N, C-alpha and C. Protein backbone atom coordinates (compact mmCIF):
# COMPACT_ATOMS: atom_id res chain seq x y z
N MET A 1 69.67 98.20 104.02
CA MET A 1 69.91 98.83 102.73
C MET A 1 71.25 99.59 102.74
N MET A 2 71.43 100.40 103.78
CA MET A 2 72.67 101.18 103.88
C MET A 2 73.87 100.25 104.03
N GLU A 3 73.68 99.17 104.80
CA GLU A 3 74.79 98.23 105.01
C GLU A 3 75.18 97.56 103.70
N LYS A 4 74.20 97.23 102.86
CA LYS A 4 74.49 96.62 101.56
C LYS A 4 75.25 97.60 100.67
N CYS A 5 74.87 98.87 100.71
CA CYS A 5 75.58 99.89 99.92
C CYS A 5 77.02 100.02 100.39
N LEU A 6 77.20 100.05 101.70
CA LEU A 6 78.57 100.16 102.23
C LEU A 6 79.39 98.92 101.89
N ASP A 7 78.78 97.75 101.99
CA ASP A 7 79.49 96.53 101.62
C ASP A 7 79.87 96.55 100.15
N GLY A 8 78.99 97.09 99.31
CA GLY A 8 79.31 97.25 97.89
C GLY A 8 80.47 98.20 97.67
N LEU A 9 80.49 99.28 98.44
CA LEU A 9 81.60 100.24 98.35
C LEU A 9 82.91 99.59 98.75
N TYR A 10 82.89 98.81 99.84
CA TYR A 10 84.11 98.13 100.28
C TYR A 10 84.58 97.12 99.23
N ALA A 11 83.62 96.41 98.64
CA ALA A 11 83.97 95.43 97.59
C ALA A 11 84.54 96.14 96.36
N LEU A 12 83.94 97.27 95.98
CA LEU A 12 84.45 98.05 94.85
C LEU A 12 85.90 98.46 95.11
N CYS A 13 86.16 98.93 96.32
CA CYS A 13 87.53 99.32 96.66
C CYS A 13 88.48 98.13 96.59
N GLY A 14 88.01 96.96 96.98
CA GLY A 14 88.83 95.76 96.87
C GLY A 14 89.15 95.44 95.41
N TYR A 15 88.15 95.56 94.55
CA TYR A 15 88.38 95.31 93.12
C TYR A 15 89.33 96.36 92.52
N LEU A 16 89.17 97.60 92.93
CA LEU A 16 90.08 98.64 92.45
C LEU A 16 91.52 98.37 92.91
N ALA A 17 91.66 97.93 94.15
CA ALA A 17 93.00 97.59 94.65
C ALA A 17 93.61 96.47 93.82
N ALA A 18 92.81 95.46 93.51
CA ALA A 18 93.31 94.35 92.69
C ALA A 18 93.66 94.83 91.28
N PHE A 19 92.83 95.71 90.73
CA PHE A 19 93.12 96.26 89.40
C PHE A 19 94.46 96.98 89.37
N PHE A 20 94.70 97.82 90.37
CA PHE A 20 95.96 98.58 90.38
C PHE A 20 97.15 97.68 90.64
N LEU A 21 96.98 96.60 91.40
CA LEU A 21 98.06 95.63 91.54
C LEU A 21 98.36 94.97 90.21
N ALA A 22 97.31 94.61 89.47
CA ALA A 22 97.49 94.02 88.15
C ALA A 22 98.17 95.00 87.20
N MET A 23 97.84 96.28 87.34
CA MET A 23 98.46 97.30 86.49
C MET A 23 99.97 97.39 86.73
N ILE A 24 100.39 97.18 87.97
CA ILE A 24 101.83 97.17 88.25
C ILE A 24 102.49 96.05 87.45
N ALA A 25 101.88 94.87 87.43
CA ALA A 25 102.43 93.75 86.67
C ALA A 25 102.44 94.07 85.18
N VAL A 26 101.38 94.66 84.67
CA VAL A 26 101.30 95.01 83.25
C VAL A 26 102.36 96.03 82.89
N LEU A 27 102.49 97.07 83.70
CA LEU A 27 103.50 98.11 83.43
C LEU A 27 104.91 97.54 83.46
N THR A 28 105.16 96.66 84.41
CA THR A 28 106.48 96.04 84.49
C THR A 28 106.74 95.18 83.26
N ALA A 29 105.74 94.41 82.84
CA ALA A 29 105.90 93.58 81.64
C ALA A 29 106.12 94.43 80.39
N VAL A 30 105.39 95.52 80.27
CA VAL A 30 105.55 96.43 79.13
C VAL A 30 106.97 97.00 79.12
N GLN A 31 107.47 97.39 80.27
CA GLN A 31 108.82 97.94 80.34
C GLN A 31 109.86 96.89 79.94
N ILE A 32 109.69 95.66 80.39
CA ILE A 32 110.63 94.59 80.05
C ILE A 32 110.62 94.32 78.55
N VAL A 33 109.43 94.22 77.97
CA VAL A 33 109.32 93.98 76.53
C VAL A 33 109.91 95.14 75.74
N ALA A 34 109.63 96.36 76.17
CA ALA A 34 110.16 97.54 75.47
C ALA A 34 111.68 97.54 75.48
N ARG A 35 112.27 97.15 76.59
CA ARG A 35 113.74 97.11 76.66
C ARG A 35 114.32 96.05 75.72
N GLN A 36 113.58 94.97 75.53
CA GLN A 36 114.05 93.93 74.61
C GLN A 36 114.11 94.45 73.17
N PHE A 37 113.28 95.42 72.84
CA PHE A 37 113.28 96.02 71.51
C PHE A 37 114.13 97.29 71.44
N GLY A 38 114.82 97.59 72.54
CA GLY A 38 115.71 98.75 72.55
C GLY A 38 115.03 100.07 72.83
N TRP A 39 113.79 100.03 73.28
CA TRP A 39 113.07 101.26 73.59
C TRP A 39 113.26 101.60 75.06
N ALA A 40 113.52 102.86 75.31
CA ALA A 40 113.67 103.32 76.69
C ALA A 40 112.29 103.77 77.19
N LEU A 41 111.66 102.90 77.95
CA LEU A 41 110.34 103.20 78.49
C LEU A 41 110.41 103.12 80.01
N GLU A 42 110.05 104.19 80.67
CA GLU A 42 110.13 104.25 82.13
C GLU A 42 108.73 104.17 82.72
N THR A 43 108.48 103.12 83.49
CA THR A 43 107.16 102.94 84.09
C THR A 43 107.21 102.95 85.62
N VAL A 44 108.37 103.26 86.18
CA VAL A 44 108.52 103.21 87.63
C VAL A 44 107.57 104.19 88.32
N GLU A 45 107.46 105.37 87.77
CA GLU A 45 106.61 106.39 88.38
C GLU A 45 105.13 105.96 88.36
N LEU A 46 104.67 105.46 87.22
CA LEU A 46 103.30 104.99 87.14
C LEU A 46 103.06 103.80 88.06
N SER A 47 104.04 102.92 88.15
CA SER A 47 103.91 101.77 89.06
C SER A 47 103.81 102.23 90.51
N GLY A 48 104.55 103.25 90.86
CA GLY A 48 104.47 103.81 92.20
C GLY A 48 103.10 104.39 92.50
N PHE A 49 102.53 105.07 91.50
CA PHE A 49 101.18 105.61 91.68
C PHE A 49 100.17 104.48 91.82
N CYS A 50 100.35 103.42 91.04
CA CYS A 50 99.45 102.25 91.14
C CYS A 50 99.59 101.58 92.50
N LEU A 51 100.81 101.53 93.03
CA LEU A 51 101.03 100.94 94.35
C LEU A 51 100.31 101.74 95.43
N ALA A 52 100.41 103.06 95.36
CA ALA A 52 99.72 103.91 96.33
C ALA A 52 98.21 103.71 96.23
N ALA A 53 97.68 103.70 95.01
CA ALA A 53 96.24 103.51 94.83
C ALA A 53 95.81 102.15 95.37
N SER A 54 96.55 101.12 95.03
CA SER A 54 96.21 99.77 95.49
C SER A 54 96.23 99.68 97.01
N THR A 55 97.23 100.24 97.62
CA THR A 55 97.36 100.19 99.08
C THR A 55 96.18 100.87 99.76
N PHE A 56 95.85 102.07 99.33
CA PHE A 56 94.80 102.82 100.03
C PHE A 56 93.40 102.35 99.67
N PHE A 57 93.19 101.85 98.45
CA PHE A 57 91.89 101.27 98.12
C PHE A 57 91.64 100.01 98.93
N ALA A 58 92.70 99.26 99.25
CA ALA A 58 92.54 97.98 99.93
C ALA A 58 92.25 98.12 101.43
N LEU A 59 92.51 99.26 102.02
CA LEU A 59 92.41 99.39 103.48
C LEU A 59 91.03 99.06 104.03
N ALA A 60 89.99 99.67 103.52
CA ALA A 60 88.64 99.43 104.05
C ALA A 60 88.19 98.00 103.75
N HIS A 61 88.50 97.52 102.56
CA HIS A 61 88.11 96.16 102.17
C HIS A 61 88.73 95.12 103.10
N THR A 62 90.01 95.27 103.39
CA THR A 62 90.66 94.30 104.27
C THR A 62 90.19 94.45 105.71
N LEU A 63 89.82 95.65 106.13
CA LEU A 63 89.32 95.84 107.50
C LEU A 63 88.03 95.05 107.72
N VAL A 64 87.06 95.24 106.83
CA VAL A 64 85.76 94.60 107.04
C VAL A 64 85.81 93.09 106.81
N ARG A 65 86.79 92.61 106.09
CA ARG A 65 86.94 91.17 105.87
C ARG A 65 87.78 90.50 106.97
N GLY A 66 88.24 91.30 107.92
CA GLY A 66 88.99 90.74 109.04
C GLY A 66 90.42 90.37 108.68
N ASP A 67 90.97 90.99 107.65
CA ASP A 67 92.32 90.64 107.19
C ASP A 67 93.41 91.56 107.74
N HIS A 68 93.04 92.54 108.53
CA HIS A 68 94.07 93.35 109.19
C HIS A 68 94.64 92.54 110.35
N ILE A 69 95.84 92.82 110.73
CA ILE A 69 96.49 92.09 111.81
C ILE A 69 95.83 92.44 113.13
N ARG A 70 95.45 91.40 113.88
CA ARG A 70 94.82 91.58 115.19
C ARG A 70 95.48 90.63 116.17
N VAL A 71 95.29 90.91 117.43
CA VAL A 71 95.84 90.06 118.49
C VAL A 71 94.74 89.13 118.96
N GLY A 72 94.55 88.04 118.24
CA GLY A 72 93.46 87.12 118.51
C GLY A 72 93.64 86.30 119.77
N PHE A 73 94.88 85.97 120.10
CA PHE A 73 95.08 85.13 121.28
C PHE A 73 94.62 85.84 122.55
N ALA A 74 94.76 87.15 122.62
CA ALA A 74 94.31 87.89 123.79
C ALA A 74 92.78 87.93 123.84
N GLU A 75 92.14 87.99 122.68
CA GLU A 75 90.68 88.03 122.64
C GLU A 75 90.06 86.74 123.12
N ASN A 76 90.71 85.63 122.85
CA ASN A 76 90.14 84.33 123.21
C ASN A 76 90.13 84.09 124.72
N SER A 77 91.00 84.77 125.44
CA SER A 77 91.06 84.55 126.89
C SER A 77 90.55 85.76 127.68
N THR A 78 89.83 86.64 127.03
CA THR A 78 89.33 87.86 127.67
C THR A 78 87.81 87.85 127.67
N ARG A 79 87.23 88.48 128.67
CA ARG A 79 85.77 88.57 128.75
C ARG A 79 85.22 89.31 127.54
N ARG A 80 84.03 88.90 127.13
CA ARG A 80 83.40 89.44 125.92
C ARG A 80 83.22 90.96 125.99
N TRP A 81 82.77 91.49 127.12
CA TRP A 81 82.54 92.93 127.23
C TRP A 81 83.84 93.71 127.12
N LEU A 82 84.94 93.11 127.57
CA LEU A 82 86.23 93.79 127.47
C LEU A 82 86.73 93.80 126.02
N VAL A 83 86.49 92.71 125.30
CA VAL A 83 86.86 92.66 123.88
C VAL A 83 86.06 93.69 123.10
N ARG A 84 84.76 93.77 123.36
CA ARG A 84 83.92 94.76 122.66
C ARG A 84 84.36 96.18 123.00
N GLY A 85 84.71 96.40 124.27
CA GLY A 85 85.19 97.73 124.67
C GLY A 85 86.50 98.08 123.98
N SER A 86 87.39 97.12 123.90
CA SER A 86 88.68 97.40 123.24
C SER A 86 88.48 97.59 121.74
N ASP A 87 87.54 96.84 121.14
CA ASP A 87 87.24 97.05 119.73
C ASP A 87 86.66 98.44 119.50
N LEU A 88 85.77 98.86 120.38
CA LEU A 88 85.18 100.19 120.26
C LEU A 88 86.24 101.27 120.41
N TRP A 89 87.12 101.10 121.39
CA TRP A 89 88.20 102.07 121.59
C TRP A 89 89.11 102.11 120.37
N ALA A 90 89.51 100.93 119.87
CA ALA A 90 90.42 100.87 118.73
C ALA A 90 89.78 101.48 117.48
N CYS A 91 88.52 101.18 117.25
CA CYS A 91 87.84 101.75 116.08
C CYS A 91 87.68 103.26 116.21
N ALA A 92 87.34 103.72 117.41
CA ALA A 92 87.16 105.16 117.61
C ALA A 92 88.48 105.92 117.46
N ALA A 93 89.54 105.39 118.09
CA ALA A 93 90.85 106.05 117.97
C ALA A 93 91.33 106.02 116.52
N SER A 94 91.13 104.89 115.86
CA SER A 94 91.53 104.78 114.45
C SER A 94 90.73 105.73 113.59
N PHE A 95 89.43 105.84 113.87
CA PHE A 95 88.59 106.75 113.10
C PHE A 95 89.10 108.19 113.21
N VAL A 96 89.45 108.61 114.42
CA VAL A 96 89.94 109.98 114.61
C VAL A 96 91.20 110.21 113.78
N VAL A 97 92.13 109.28 113.86
CA VAL A 97 93.40 109.43 113.13
C VAL A 97 93.16 109.39 111.62
N VAL A 98 92.37 108.43 111.15
CA VAL A 98 92.14 108.29 109.71
C VAL A 98 91.34 109.47 109.17
N ALA A 99 90.34 109.93 109.92
CA ALA A 99 89.56 111.09 109.47
C ALA A 99 90.45 112.33 109.37
N TYR A 100 91.34 112.49 110.33
CA TYR A 100 92.29 113.61 110.29
C TYR A 100 93.17 113.51 109.05
N CYS A 101 93.71 112.33 108.80
CA CYS A 101 94.57 112.12 107.62
C CYS A 101 93.78 112.34 106.33
N ALA A 102 92.54 111.85 106.28
CA ALA A 102 91.71 112.01 105.09
C ALA A 102 91.43 113.48 104.82
N TRP A 103 91.10 114.22 105.86
CA TRP A 103 90.83 115.65 105.72
C TRP A 103 92.04 116.37 105.12
N HIS A 104 93.20 116.09 105.66
CA HIS A 104 94.40 116.77 105.17
C HIS A 104 94.81 116.28 103.79
N MET A 105 94.56 115.03 103.48
CA MET A 105 94.87 114.53 102.13
C MET A 105 93.95 115.16 101.10
N ILE A 106 92.69 115.34 101.46
CA ILE A 106 91.76 116.02 100.55
C ILE A 106 92.23 117.46 100.31
N ARG A 107 92.60 118.15 101.38
CA ARG A 107 93.09 119.53 101.23
C ARG A 107 94.35 119.57 100.38
N PHE A 108 95.26 118.62 100.62
CA PHE A 108 96.51 118.54 99.87
C PHE A 108 96.23 118.29 98.38
N THR A 109 95.27 117.41 98.09
CA THR A 109 94.91 117.11 96.71
C THR A 109 94.32 118.34 96.02
N LEU A 110 93.45 119.05 96.73
CA LEU A 110 92.86 120.27 96.16
C LEU A 110 93.92 121.34 95.90
N GLU A 111 94.88 121.45 96.81
CA GLU A 111 95.98 122.41 96.60
C GLU A 111 96.83 122.01 95.40
N SER A 112 97.11 120.72 95.26
CA SER A 112 97.89 120.26 94.11
C SER A 112 97.17 120.58 92.81
N HIS A 113 95.85 120.42 92.82
CA HIS A 113 95.06 120.75 91.63
C HIS A 113 95.09 122.25 91.36
N ALA A 114 94.92 123.04 92.41
CA ALA A 114 94.89 124.50 92.25
C ALA A 114 96.23 125.05 91.74
N TYR A 115 97.33 124.49 92.24
CA TYR A 115 98.65 124.97 91.85
C TYR A 115 99.18 124.31 90.58
N GLY A 116 98.48 123.29 90.10
CA GLY A 116 98.93 122.61 88.89
C GLY A 116 100.19 121.79 89.10
N ASP A 117 100.35 121.20 90.30
CA ASP A 117 101.54 120.39 90.59
C ASP A 117 101.62 119.21 89.63
N LEU A 118 102.83 118.97 89.14
CA LEU A 118 103.09 117.85 88.25
C LEU A 118 104.10 116.91 88.88
N SER A 119 104.01 115.64 88.55
CA SER A 119 104.97 114.68 89.07
C SER A 119 106.36 114.99 88.52
N PRO A 120 107.40 114.65 89.27
CA PRO A 120 108.75 115.02 88.85
C PRO A 120 109.34 114.15 87.74
N GLY A 121 108.65 113.09 87.35
CA GLY A 121 109.18 112.16 86.36
C GLY A 121 109.05 112.68 84.94
N LEU A 122 109.39 111.83 84.00
CA LEU A 122 109.37 112.18 82.58
C LEU A 122 107.97 112.43 82.05
N MET A 123 106.97 111.80 82.66
CA MET A 123 105.61 111.90 82.14
C MET A 123 104.87 113.14 82.63
N ALA A 124 105.31 113.75 83.68
CA ALA A 124 104.70 114.97 84.24
C ALA A 124 103.18 114.82 84.40
N ILE A 125 102.79 113.88 85.20
CA ILE A 125 101.38 113.61 85.47
C ILE A 125 100.89 114.60 86.53
N PRO A 126 99.70 115.18 86.36
CA PRO A 126 99.17 116.04 87.42
C PRO A 126 99.06 115.25 88.73
N MET A 127 99.63 115.77 89.78
CA MET A 127 99.72 115.05 91.05
C MET A 127 98.36 114.79 91.69
N TRP A 128 97.37 115.60 91.37
CA TRP A 128 96.07 115.40 91.99
C TRP A 128 95.45 114.07 91.57
N ILE A 129 95.84 113.52 90.43
CA ILE A 129 95.25 112.26 89.97
C ILE A 129 95.62 111.11 90.91
N PRO A 130 96.90 110.84 91.16
CA PRO A 130 97.18 109.75 92.12
C PRO A 130 96.80 110.12 93.56
N GLN A 131 96.82 111.39 93.88
CA GLN A 131 96.44 111.80 95.24
C GLN A 131 94.95 111.56 95.49
N CYS A 132 94.13 111.62 94.45
CA CYS A 132 92.69 111.34 94.61
C CYS A 132 92.47 109.91 95.11
N ALA A 133 93.25 108.98 94.60
CA ALA A 133 93.09 107.58 95.02
C ALA A 133 93.42 107.43 96.50
N VAL A 134 94.48 108.10 96.94
CA VAL A 134 94.86 108.04 98.36
C VAL A 134 93.78 108.68 99.22
N ALA A 135 93.31 109.84 98.82
CA ALA A 135 92.27 110.54 99.59
C ALA A 135 90.99 109.71 99.64
N PHE A 136 90.58 109.15 98.52
CA PHE A 136 89.36 108.35 98.48
C PHE A 136 89.50 107.12 99.36
N GLY A 137 90.65 106.46 99.30
CA GLY A 137 90.88 105.29 100.13
C GLY A 137 90.81 105.62 101.61
N LEU A 138 91.35 106.76 102.00
CA LEU A 138 91.29 107.17 103.40
C LEU A 138 89.86 107.50 103.83
N VAL A 139 89.11 108.15 102.95
CA VAL A 139 87.72 108.49 103.27
C VAL A 139 86.90 107.21 103.46
N VAL A 140 87.09 106.24 102.56
CA VAL A 140 86.33 104.99 102.68
C VAL A 140 86.75 104.23 103.94
N LEU A 141 88.03 104.27 104.28
CA LEU A 141 88.47 103.62 105.52
C LEU A 141 87.83 104.30 106.73
N ALA A 142 87.74 105.63 106.72
CA ALA A 142 87.08 106.34 107.82
C ALA A 142 85.61 105.95 107.90
N VAL A 143 84.95 105.83 106.76
CA VAL A 143 83.54 105.41 106.75
C VAL A 143 83.42 103.98 107.30
N ALA A 144 84.34 103.10 106.90
CA ALA A 144 84.30 101.71 107.39
C ALA A 144 84.50 101.65 108.90
N LEU A 145 85.40 102.47 109.41
CA LEU A 145 85.61 102.49 110.86
C LEU A 145 84.38 103.03 111.59
N LEU A 146 83.79 104.07 111.05
CA LEU A 146 82.56 104.61 111.64
C LEU A 146 81.44 103.57 111.58
N HIS A 147 81.38 102.85 110.50
CA HIS A 147 80.40 101.77 110.34
C HIS A 147 80.57 100.73 111.44
N GLN A 148 81.81 100.37 111.74
CA GLN A 148 82.06 99.37 112.79
C GLN A 148 81.70 99.92 114.17
N ILE A 149 81.94 101.20 114.38
CA ILE A 149 81.56 101.84 115.65
C ILE A 149 80.05 101.79 115.84
N VAL A 150 79.31 102.11 114.78
CA VAL A 150 77.84 102.09 114.85
C VAL A 150 77.35 100.67 115.14
N ARG A 151 77.98 99.68 114.51
CA ARG A 151 77.59 98.28 114.77
C ARG A 151 77.84 97.92 116.24
N LEU A 152 79.00 98.32 116.77
CA LEU A 152 79.32 98.00 118.16
C LEU A 152 78.35 98.69 119.13
N ILE A 153 78.07 99.96 118.88
CA ILE A 153 77.15 100.69 119.75
C ILE A 153 75.75 100.09 119.67
N GLY A 154 75.39 99.57 118.50
CA GLY A 154 74.09 98.94 118.32
C GLY A 154 74.01 97.52 118.87
N GLY A 155 75.11 97.05 119.49
CA GLY A 155 75.09 95.72 120.09
C GLY A 155 75.44 94.58 119.15
N ARG A 156 75.87 94.91 117.95
CA ARG A 156 76.24 93.89 116.97
C ARG A 156 77.75 93.71 116.96
N ASN A 157 78.20 92.60 116.38
CA ASN A 157 79.63 92.39 116.18
C ASN A 157 80.12 93.29 115.05
N THR A 158 81.40 93.58 115.08
CA THR A 158 82.00 94.27 113.94
C THR A 158 82.06 93.28 112.78
N GLN A 159 82.21 93.79 111.58
CA GLN A 159 82.33 92.91 110.44
C GLN A 159 83.61 92.09 110.50
N PHE A 160 84.67 92.69 111.05
CA PHE A 160 85.92 91.92 111.13
C PHE A 160 85.82 90.81 112.18
N GLU A 161 85.00 91.02 113.20
CA GLU A 161 84.78 89.97 114.19
C GLU A 161 83.96 88.84 113.57
N ASP A 162 82.93 89.20 112.82
CA ASP A 162 82.14 88.18 112.13
C ASP A 162 83.02 87.38 111.16
N ALA A 163 83.90 88.07 110.45
CA ALA A 163 84.80 87.40 109.51
C ALA A 163 85.75 86.47 110.24
N ARG A 164 86.21 86.88 111.40
CA ARG A 164 87.12 86.03 112.18
C ARG A 164 86.42 84.75 112.61
N HIS A 165 85.16 84.87 113.01
CA HIS A 165 84.39 83.69 113.40
C HIS A 165 84.13 82.77 112.20
N ARG A 166 83.83 83.36 111.04
CA ARG A 166 83.62 82.56 109.83
C ARG A 166 84.91 81.82 109.47
N ASN A 167 86.04 82.54 109.54
CA ASN A 167 87.32 81.90 109.21
C ASN A 167 87.65 80.77 110.17
N ALA A 168 87.39 80.97 111.46
CA ALA A 168 87.66 79.95 112.45
C ALA A 168 86.78 78.71 112.24
N ALA A 169 85.57 78.94 111.74
CA ALA A 169 84.65 77.84 111.49
C ALA A 169 84.85 77.21 110.11
N GLY A 170 85.74 77.81 109.32
CA GLY A 170 86.00 77.28 107.98
C GLY A 170 84.92 77.61 106.97
N ILE A 171 84.14 78.66 107.24
CA ILE A 171 83.07 79.08 106.34
C ILE A 171 83.64 80.12 105.39
N SER A 172 83.44 79.93 104.08
CA SER A 172 83.97 80.88 103.12
C SER A 172 83.15 82.17 103.16
N PRO A 173 83.79 83.31 102.82
CA PRO A 173 83.05 84.58 102.81
C PRO A 173 81.95 84.54 101.76
N GLU A 174 80.99 85.43 101.93
CA GLU A 174 79.82 85.49 101.04
C GLU A 174 80.24 85.19 99.67
């Protein structure tokens, strides 16, 4: 049950990442059309916020789908227990770093909200809005890494390992 909820959360983050990527294209198209009519419309700042949101929302989704860059050739010629140990070490070290970053991003976002920080562009958007997407993406990535650690400790493969095996066998994802 918990695993299905987490998988749903990772999928939601993937959809949000795709949405914000699409928003970059929409904002760029709107800016191009506006210039054709002689209107000065600046969307660079919003596009930058969408890029940050897309990047951080995509992190957990790509991790569990096995789309992060890995050194597969070394895994194929290494003993299974050593691969699992290195996966556990990598997930644990990554969890510590990502959890630290998430904690400080949450604090930074709360400070931006408390101080009423605004973006420096023409639109003066409250900075806590785009910072929330970054903080949320980091928190979900930390949860995904912890999820993989629990799977490894429980004797199961990580989700990215399962995805790698599915890809090697030519099996499409769920």
